[in-house]
Amino acid sequence: LPERERAGLKRRELLLEVPLKSYWIRKGSAFSRAVARPETELTPDMIAT
């Protein structure tokens, strides 16, 4: 819109300008489809209970 029309619409509160944010998301070097769970360390006490 031309600046003049935009100013008129803003004045009558028929136009609201909002910032638009966008992001680029890409696969990183550590990307994997599998969910890796670290092995849990079992102590003898944990096994006994």
N, C-alpha and C. Protein backbone atom coordinates (compact mmCIF):
# COMPACT_ATOMS: atom_id res chain seq x y z
N LEU A 1 0.83 -1.19 0.00
CA LEU A 1 0.00 0.00 0.00
C LEU A 1 0.87 1.25 0.00
N PRO A 2 0.42 2.27 -0.65
CA PRO A 2 1.16 3.54 -0.57
C PRO A 2 1.12 4.09 0.86
N GLU A 3 2.14 4.85 1.20
CA GLU A 3 2.27 5.40 2.56
C GLU A 3 1.05 6.22 2.97
N ARG A 4 0.49 6.96 2.04
CA ARG A 4 -0.66 7.83 2.35
C ARG A 4 -1.89 7.00 2.75
N GLU A 5 -2.16 5.94 1.98
CA GLU A 5 -3.30 5.07 2.29
C GLU A 5 -3.07 4.34 3.62
N ARG A 6 -1.85 3.88 3.81
CA ARG A 6 -1.50 3.16 5.03
C ARG A 6 -1.70 4.04 6.26
N ALA A 7 -1.29 5.31 6.17
CA ALA A 7 -1.45 6.23 7.30
C ALA A 7 -2.93 6.48 7.59
N GLY A 8 -3.75 6.60 6.54
CA GLY A 8 -5.18 6.82 6.74
C GLY A 8 -5.84 5.62 7.40
N LEU A 9 -5.47 4.43 6.99
CA LEU A 9 -6.05 3.21 7.59
C LEU A 9 -5.60 3.04 9.04
N LYS A 10 -4.35 3.38 9.32
CA LYS A 10 -3.86 3.31 10.70
C LYS A 10 -4.61 4.28 11.60
N ARG A 11 -4.84 5.47 11.10
CA ARG A 11 -5.52 6.50 11.88
C ARG A 11 -6.94 6.05 12.23
N ARG A 12 -7.60 5.37 11.31
CA ARG A 12 -8.96 4.88 11.56
C ARG A 12 -8.96 3.51 12.24
N GLU A 13 -7.77 3.04 12.60
CA GLU A 13 -7.57 1.75 13.26
C GLU A 13 -8.13 0.58 12.44
N LEU A 14 -7.95 0.67 11.13
CA LEU A 14 -8.35 -0.42 10.24
C LEU A 14 -7.14 -1.22 9.77
N LEU A 15 -5.96 -0.77 10.17
CA LEU A 15 -4.73 -1.44 9.76
C LEU A 15 -3.84 -1.59 10.97
N LEU A 16 -3.30 -2.77 11.13
CA LEU A 16 -2.37 -3.03 12.23
C LEU A 16 -1.14 -3.70 11.64
N GLU A 17 0.00 -3.10 11.83
CA GLU A 17 1.25 -3.68 11.34
C GLU A 17 1.89 -4.46 12.47
N VAL A 18 2.24 -5.70 12.17
CA VAL A 18 2.89 -6.56 13.16
C VAL A 18 4.19 -7.08 12.55
N PRO A 19 5.22 -7.27 13.37
CA PRO A 19 6.47 -7.82 12.84
C PRO A 19 6.29 -9.30 12.51
N LEU A 20 6.93 -9.75 11.46
CA LEU A 20 6.88 -11.14 11.03
C LEU A 20 8.26 -11.74 11.22
N LYS A 21 8.33 -12.82 11.99
CA LYS A 21 9.60 -13.49 12.23
C LYS A 21 9.60 -14.82 11.49
N SER A 22 10.73 -15.16 10.93
CA SER A 22 10.86 -16.45 10.26
C SER A 22 12.20 -17.06 10.64
N TYR A 23 12.24 -18.38 10.61
CA TYR A 23 13.44 -19.12 10.99
C TYR A 23 13.75 -20.16 9.93
N TRP A 24 15.02 -20.43 9.72
CA TRP A 24 15.46 -21.51 8.85
C TRP A 24 15.95 -22.62 9.76
N ILE A 25 15.34 -23.78 9.66
CA ILE A 25 15.72 -24.91 10.50
C ILE A 25 16.33 -25.97 9.59
N ARG A 26 17.53 -26.40 9.93
CA ARG A 26 18.23 -27.41 9.13
C ARG A 26 18.74 -28.52 10.03
N LYS A 27 19.02 -29.64 9.43
CA LYS A 27 19.58 -30.76 10.18
C LYS A 27 21.02 -30.43 10.55
N GLY A 28 21.36 -30.64 11.81
CA GLY A 28 22.71 -30.38 12.26
C GLY A 28 23.59 -31.61 12.12
N SER A 29 24.82 -31.50 12.52
CA SER A 29 25.76 -32.61 12.39
C SER A 29 25.41 -33.77 13.32
N ALA A 30 24.69 -33.50 14.41
CA ALA A 30 24.32 -34.55 15.36
C ALA A 30 22.91 -35.08 15.11
N PHE A 31 22.32 -34.80 13.93
CA PHE A 31 20.95 -35.24 13.64
C PHE A 31 20.90 -36.75 13.48
N SER A 32 19.88 -37.35 14.07
CA SER A 32 19.66 -38.78 13.94
C SER A 32 18.18 -39.05 14.10
N ARG A 33 17.66 -40.00 13.34
CA ARG A 33 16.25 -40.36 13.47
C ARG A 33 16.01 -41.24 14.69
N ALA A 34 17.02 -41.96 15.13
CA ALA A 34 16.89 -42.86 16.27
C ALA A 34 17.09 -42.09 17.56
N VAL A 35 16.29 -42.42 18.56
CA VAL A 35 16.43 -41.81 19.87
C VAL A 35 17.41 -42.66 20.66
N ALA A 36 18.53 -42.09 21.02
CA ALA A 36 19.57 -42.84 21.74
C ALA A 36 19.43 -42.60 23.23
N ARG A 37 19.28 -43.69 23.97
CA ARG A 37 19.23 -43.58 25.43
C ARG A 37 20.54 -44.11 25.99
N PRO A 38 21.20 -43.36 26.85
CA PRO A 38 22.45 -43.85 27.42
C PRO A 38 22.19 -45.05 28.33
N GLU A 39 23.17 -45.95 28.38
CA GLU A 39 23.03 -47.12 29.24
C GLU A 39 23.07 -46.68 30.69
N THR A 40 22.20 -47.29 31.50
CA THR A 40 22.17 -46.95 32.92
C THR A 40 23.15 -47.84 33.66
N GLU A 41 23.83 -47.24 34.60
CA GLU A 41 24.78 -48.00 35.41
C GLU A 41 24.04 -48.61 36.59
N LEU A 42 24.04 -49.93 36.65
CA LEU A 42 23.37 -50.62 37.74
C LEU A 42 24.39 -51.01 38.80
N THR A 43 24.10 -50.66 40.02
CA THR A 43 24.95 -51.05 41.13
C THR A 43 24.35 -52.29 41.79
N PRO A 44 25.14 -53.04 42.54
CA PRO A 44 24.59 -54.22 43.22
C PRO A 44 23.42 -53.86 44.14
N ASP A 45 23.45 -52.68 44.76
CA ASP A 45 22.34 -52.26 45.62
C ASP A 45 21.05 -52.09 44.81
N MET A 46 21.17 -51.55 43.62
CA MET A 46 19.99 -51.35 42.79
C MET A 46 19.39 -52.68 42.35
N ILE A 47 20.24 -53.66 42.08
CA ILE A 47 19.75 -54.97 41.65
C ILE A 47 19.10 -55.70 42.82
N ALA A 48 19.63 -55.53 44.02
CA ALA A 48 19.13 -56.23 45.21
C ALA A 48 17.74 -55.74 45.62
N THR A 49 17.40 -54.51 45.34
CA THR A 49 16.09 -54.02 45.78
C THR A 49 15.03 -54.21 44.75
